[in-house]
Amino acid sequence: MGVGSGYNESLRGEKEVIITEDGSVTLYSKEFNQAYHSTKDGALRESLQKHVIPAFALQNPKEQLTILDICFGLGYNTLATLYYVKSKHLDTKIHILSPEFDRELVESLATFEYPKAFDTLQPIICELSENFYYEDAQFKIEVLLGDAREVIPQILEKIDIVYQDAFSPKQNPLLWTREYFRDIRAICSDDAVITTYSTAIATRMGLHENGFELFLYCGEDARCSTIASPKRIEGLEYVDMELKKARNKEARSLRDADYTAI
């Protein structure tokens, strides 16, 4: 089996609509036995508060940003990025690369019930659902069809922001292993910012073992999450992983070898 082992393509099309607590709609994947977003934090709120807002706060005022959105899914993180940039009247040029292996899901998004905040983005949504690509003077979005583990090593651009928003480590461990984060580090700029909802010790160990510094971030009306960067970030609560390792000798990162067979 390869790195894609553990996926169940026969269940990929089986999804249920869920209304989250902020009123925005998400889906429940039967393949991964998990919703695409936190039903408690809300789909739109989670995208903004755990990913977009902290990432842009830490990376402004750059003129250009290249963002890796793991994985495209319903497109909330990508669309929330466009919504945020437009609502704040930012001139930043944005290039978003987003792996996604569920072609049929992306093709269905033209008729998905997004929050009203995305109403003005409907032409972009339609373009992405049809062509997996959109470009104008400010934004370039590429949905990279395929397994993220195979797609990421092929990326040539240096990444400024990573939205690490795959299904949870328990449900989709191969997008949270030490080797996975090694591939992420290889394409990150030296001041890149990774945002993720996961505060699990295994996630943080995998990031730490690849040279990332770890920080706790608490957004508005959302549970706390993790920020990672190759450099120390002032103003955020530092997570001392060496101290955590000393206190928890059993702590370890997830490893590819635990989930794949030769």
Protein backbone atom coordinates (compact mmCIF):
# COMPACT_ATOMS: atom_id res chain seq x y z
CA MET A 1 0.00 0.00 0.00
CA GLY A 2 1.11 3.56 -0.68
CA VAL A 3 0.64 6.71 1.34
CA GLY A 4 -2.99 6.87 0.27
CA SER A 5 -3.79 3.68 2.17
CA GLY A 6 -6.65 3.95 4.61
CA TYR A 7 -8.86 5.95 2.25
CA ASN A 8 -12.16 4.39 1.18
CA GLU A 9 -13.11 5.63 -2.27
CA SER A 10 -16.37 3.66 -2.19
CA LEU A 11 -17.62 5.98 0.57
CA ARG A 12 -16.25 9.21 -0.89
CA GLY A 13 -19.54 10.37 -2.37
CA GLU A 14 -21.51 9.73 0.81
CA LYS A 15 -21.87 13.05 2.62
CA GLU A 16 -24.56 14.66 4.77
CA VAL A 17 -25.39 18.37 5.12
CA ILE A 18 -24.81 19.83 8.60
CA ILE A 19 -25.70 23.30 9.92
CA THR A 20 -22.94 24.56 12.20
CA GLU A 21 -23.37 26.83 15.22
CA ASP A 22 -22.59 30.05 13.34
CA GLY A 23 -25.33 29.19 10.82
CA SER A 24 -22.95 28.25 8.01
CA VAL A 25 -23.32 24.90 6.26
CA THR A 26 -20.76 22.11 6.12
CA LEU A 27 -20.79 18.43 5.17
CA TYR A 28 -20.20 15.22 7.09
CA SER A 29 -17.90 12.76 5.33
CA LYS A 30 -18.76 9.09 5.81
CA GLU A 31 -15.36 8.16 4.39
CA PHE A 32 -13.62 9.90 7.29
CA ASN A 33 -16.49 9.76 9.81
CA GLN A 34 -16.03 13.46 10.44
CA ALA A 35 -17.47 16.83 9.47
CA TYR A 36 -15.41 19.11 7.23
CA HIS A 37 -15.56 21.82 9.91
CA SER A 38 -16.08 22.14 13.64
CA THR A 39 -19.82 22.22 14.18
CA LYS A 40 -19.21 24.05 17.45
CA ASP A 41 -16.96 26.81 16.11
CA GLY A 42 -18.87 27.08 12.82
CA ALA A 43 -17.55 26.60 9.30
CA LEU A 44 -17.10 30.27 8.40
CA ARG A 45 -15.95 31.33 11.87
CA GLU A 46 -13.39 28.52 12.00
CA SER A 47 -11.91 29.49 8.63
CA LEU A 48 -11.61 33.13 9.60
CA GLN A 49 -10.59 32.84 13.25
CA LYS A 50 -8.26 29.82 13.11
CA HIS A 51 -6.70 30.38 9.71
CA VAL A 52 -7.19 33.56 7.72
CA ILE A 53 -7.14 36.28 10.39
CA PRO A 54 -4.06 35.03 12.31
CA ALA A 55 -2.17 34.22 9.12
CA PHE A 56 -2.69 37.67 7.64
CA ALA A 57 -1.97 39.38 10.95
CA LEU A 58 1.41 37.66 10.99
CA GLN A 59 2.27 38.06 7.31
CA ASN A 60 1.19 41.63 6.55
CA PRO A 61 2.27 43.90 4.95
CA LYS A 62 3.65 41.64 2.21
CA GLU A 63 2.83 42.61 -1.35
CA GLN A 64 2.44 38.98 -2.46
CA LEU A 65 1.49 35.83 -0.56
CA THR A 66 1.54 32.22 -1.67
CA ILE A 67 -0.82 30.07 0.36
CA LEU A 68 -1.06 26.28 0.62
CA ASP A 69 -4.61 25.29 1.60
CA ILE A 70 -4.67 21.69 2.91
CA CYS A 71 -7.09 20.45 1.57
CA PHE A 72 -9.56 22.35 -0.65
CA GLY A 73 -12.67 20.42 0.44
CA LEU A 74 -15.61 22.83 0.43
CA GLY A 75 -13.26 25.71 -0.27
CA TYR A 76 -14.06 27.66 2.90
CA ASN A 77 -10.47 28.62 3.73
CA THR A 78 -9.74 29.76 0.18
CA LEU A 79 -13.01 31.67 -0.12
CA ALA A 80 -12.66 33.17 3.37
CA THR A 81 -9.23 34.42 2.28
CA LEU A 82 -10.73 36.19 -0.73
CA TYR A 83 -13.57 37.55 1.40
CA TYR A 84 -11.12 38.87 4.00
CA VAL A 85 -8.78 40.48 1.47
CA LYS A 86 -11.67 42.15 -0.35
CA SER A 87 -13.44 43.31 2.83
CA LYS A 88 -10.21 44.81 4.18
CA HIS A 89 -9.42 46.41 0.79
CA LEU A 90 -5.96 44.86 0.78
CA ASP A 91 -3.82 45.16 -2.35
CA THR A 92 -1.90 41.97 -1.60
CA LYS A 93 -1.60 39.61 -4.57
CA ILE A 94 -2.69 36.12 -3.55
CA HIS A 95 -1.72 32.77 -5.06
CA ILE A 96 -3.50 29.79 -3.49
CA LEU A 97 -2.48 26.19 -4.15
CA SER A 98 -4.85 23.58 -2.76
CA PRO A 99 -4.57 19.79 -3.10
CA GLU A 100 -7.85 17.86 -3.24
CA PHE A 101 -8.54 14.28 -4.30
CA ASP A 102 -12.37 14.53 -4.33
CA ARG A 103 -13.02 15.81 -7.84
CA GLU A 104 -16.79 15.31 -7.60
CA LEU A 105 -16.96 17.41 -4.44
CA VAL A 106 -15.26 20.37 -6.12
CA GLU A 107 -17.51 19.97 -9.17
CA SER A 108 -20.58 20.19 -6.91
CA LEU A 109 -19.64 23.47 -5.23
CA ALA A 110 -21.36 25.73 -7.76
CA THR A 111 -24.67 24.80 -6.10
CA PHE A 112 -23.43 24.50 -2.49
CA GLU A 113 -25.20 26.68 0.10
CA TYR A 114 -22.44 29.03 1.19
CA PRO A 115 -22.94 31.87 3.72
CA LYS A 116 -24.06 35.25 2.38
CA ALA A 117 -20.55 36.56 3.01
CA PHE A 118 -19.52 34.63 -0.10
CA ASP A 119 -22.32 35.91 -2.37
CA THR A 120 -20.02 38.19 -4.36
CA LEU A 121 -17.62 35.26 -4.85
CA GLN A 122 -20.15 33.11 -6.69
CA PRO A 123 -18.57 33.65 -10.16
CA ILE A 124 -15.22 32.51 -8.72
CA ILE A 125 -16.85 29.47 -7.10
CA CYS A 126 -18.44 28.51 -10.41
CA GLU A 127 -15.12 28.89 -12.23
CA LEU A 128 -13.32 26.73 -9.69
CA SER A 129 -15.99 24.03 -9.74
CA GLU A 130 -15.75 23.81 -13.52
CA ASN A 131 -12.07 24.37 -14.24
CA PHE A 132 -10.33 23.88 -10.84
CA TYR A 133 -8.60 27.18 -11.60
CA TYR A 134 -9.29 30.90 -11.30
CA GLU A 135 -7.18 33.93 -12.04
CA ASP A 136 -7.66 37.69 -12.17
CA ALA A 137 -5.40 40.69 -11.55
CA GLN A 138 -5.15 39.99 -7.80
CA PHE A 139 -6.00 36.34 -7.20
CA LYS A 140 -4.77 33.07 -8.62
CA ILE A 141 -6.28 29.84 -7.31
CA GLU A 142 -5.25 26.35 -8.34
CA VAL A 143 -7.05 23.25 -7.08
CA LEU A 144 -4.44 20.51 -7.48
CA LEU A 145 -6.36 17.29 -8.05
CA GLY A 146 -4.74 14.30 -6.39
CA ASP A 147 -3.43 12.95 -3.09
CA ALA A 148 -1.83 15.78 -1.09
CA ARG A 149 1.12 13.56 -0.18
CA GLU A 150 1.94 13.14 -3.86
CA VAL A 151 1.10 16.72 -4.86
CA ILE A 152 3.05 18.64 -2.21
CA PRO A 153 6.58 17.45 -3.19
CA GLN A 154 5.88 18.66 -6.73
CA ILE A 155 5.18 22.27 -5.66
CA LEU A 156 7.95 24.60 -6.81
CA GLU A 157 6.76 27.85 -5.21
CA LYS A 158 7.90 28.93 -1.77
CA ILE A 159 4.93 28.97 0.59
CA ASP A 160 4.21 31.88 2.95
CA ILE A 161 1.08 30.50 4.65
CA VAL A 162 -0.14 26.95 5.19
CA TYR A 163 -3.71 26.30 6.25
CA GLN A 164 -3.21 22.85 7.83
CA ASP A 165 -6.88 21.88 7.81
CA ALA A 166 -7.05 18.21 6.85
CA PHE A 167 -9.39 15.78 8.56
CA SER A 168 -8.15 15.09 12.09
CA PRO A 169 -4.96 13.16 12.90
CA LYS A 170 -7.11 10.29 14.17
CA GLN A 171 -9.17 10.07 10.97
CA ASN A 172 -6.53 11.01 8.37
CA PRO A 173 -3.12 10.49 10.04
CA LEU A 174 -1.07 10.54 6.83
CA LEU A 175 -1.60 14.30 6.58
CA TRP A 176 -0.15 14.80 10.07
CA THR A 177 2.99 12.65 10.20
CA ARG A 178 6.58 13.70 10.78
CA GLU A 179 7.35 12.87 7.13
CA TYR A 180 4.39 14.92 5.93
CA PHE A 181 5.57 17.97 7.87
CA ARG A 182 9.08 17.39 6.45
CA ASP A 183 7.61 17.82 2.97
CA ILE A 184 5.76 20.94 4.13
CA ARG A 185 8.93 22.45 5.60
CA ALA A 186 10.81 21.83 2.35
CA ILE A 187 8.55 24.24 0.46
CA CYS A 188 8.03 26.83 3.19
CA SER A 189 9.73 30.21 3.23
CA ASP A 190 11.89 30.96 6.28
CA ASP A 191 9.15 33.12 7.81
CA ALA A 192 6.20 30.96 6.80
CA VAL A 193 3.18 30.64 9.07
CA ILE A 194 1.23 27.42 9.54
CA THR A 195 -2.24 27.61 11.04
CA THR A 196 -4.02 24.53 12.35
CA TYR A 197 -6.91 23.69 14.63
CA SER A 198 -4.97 20.76 16.09
CA THR A 199 -3.37 21.19 19.49
CA ALA A 200 -2.54 17.48 19.81
CA ILE A 201 0.90 16.65 21.17
CA ALA A 202 1.62 14.35 18.20
CA THR A 203 0.88 17.18 15.75
CA ARG A 204 3.12 19.57 17.63
CA MET A 205 5.88 16.97 17.89
CA GLY A 206 5.82 16.42 14.12
CA LEU A 207 6.12 20.15 13.52
CA HIS A 208 8.81 20.61 16.19
CA GLU A 209 10.91 17.77 14.79
CA ASN A 210 10.97 19.60 11.45
CA GLY A 211 12.27 22.86 12.85
CA PHE A 212 9.04 24.71 13.52
CA GLU A 213 8.48 26.87 16.58
CA LEU A 214 5.04 26.39 18.16
CA PHE A 215 2.56 28.93 19.55
CA LEU A 216 -0.94 28.92 21.01
CA TYR A 217 -3.50 31.11 19.32
CA CYS A 218 -7.00 31.91 20.57
CA GLY A 219 -9.33 33.60 18.09
CA GLU A 220 -12.58 35.39 18.79
CA ASP A 221 -15.42 33.02 19.79
CA ALA A 222 -13.38 30.00 18.69
CA ARG A 223 -11.41 27.37 20.56
CA CYS A 224 -7.66 27.81 20.77
CA SER A 225 -5.49 26.49 17.97
CA THR A 226 -1.84 26.18 16.96
CA ILE A 227 0.45 28.48 14.99
CA ALA A 228 3.79 27.20 13.71
CA SER A 229 6.69 29.00 12.03
CA PRO A 230 10.40 28.38 11.42
CA LYS A 231 11.06 31.61 13.33
CA ARG A 232 10.08 32.85 16.78
CA ILE A 233 6.95 35.03 16.71
CA GLU A 234 6.61 37.81 19.26
CA GLY A 235 3.24 38.45 20.85
CA LEU A 236 2.00 34.85 20.83
CA GLU A 237 2.12 32.34 23.68
CA TYR A 238 5.16 30.14 23.05
CA VAL A 239 4.79 26.38 23.38
CA ASP A 240 8.03 24.97 24.75
CA MET A 241 8.20 21.54 23.12
CA GLU A 242 11.50 20.57 24.74
CA LEU A 243 9.89 21.09 28.15
CA LYS A 244 6.83 19.10 27.08
CA LYS A 245 9.06 16.27 25.88
CA ALA A 246 10.90 16.25 29.22
CA ARG A 247 7.62 16.03 31.09
CA ASN A 248 6.09 13.41 28.79
CA LYS A 249 8.64 10.77 27.80
CA GLU A 250 5.99 8.85 25.83
CA ALA A 251 5.15 11.77 23.53
CA ARG A 252 5.94 11.09 19.88
CA SER A 253 4.99 12.31 16.45
CA LEU A 254 2.91 10.27 14.03
CA ARG A 255 5.04 8.35 11.50
CA ASP A 256 4.29 7.15 7.99
CA ALA A 257 5.51 3.68 8.93
CA ASP A 258 2.69 3.37 11.46
CA TYR A 259 0.06 3.63 8.72
CA THR A 260 1.65 2.18 5.59
CA ALA A 261 3.02 -1.19 4.64
CA ILE A 262 5.99 -1.89 2.39
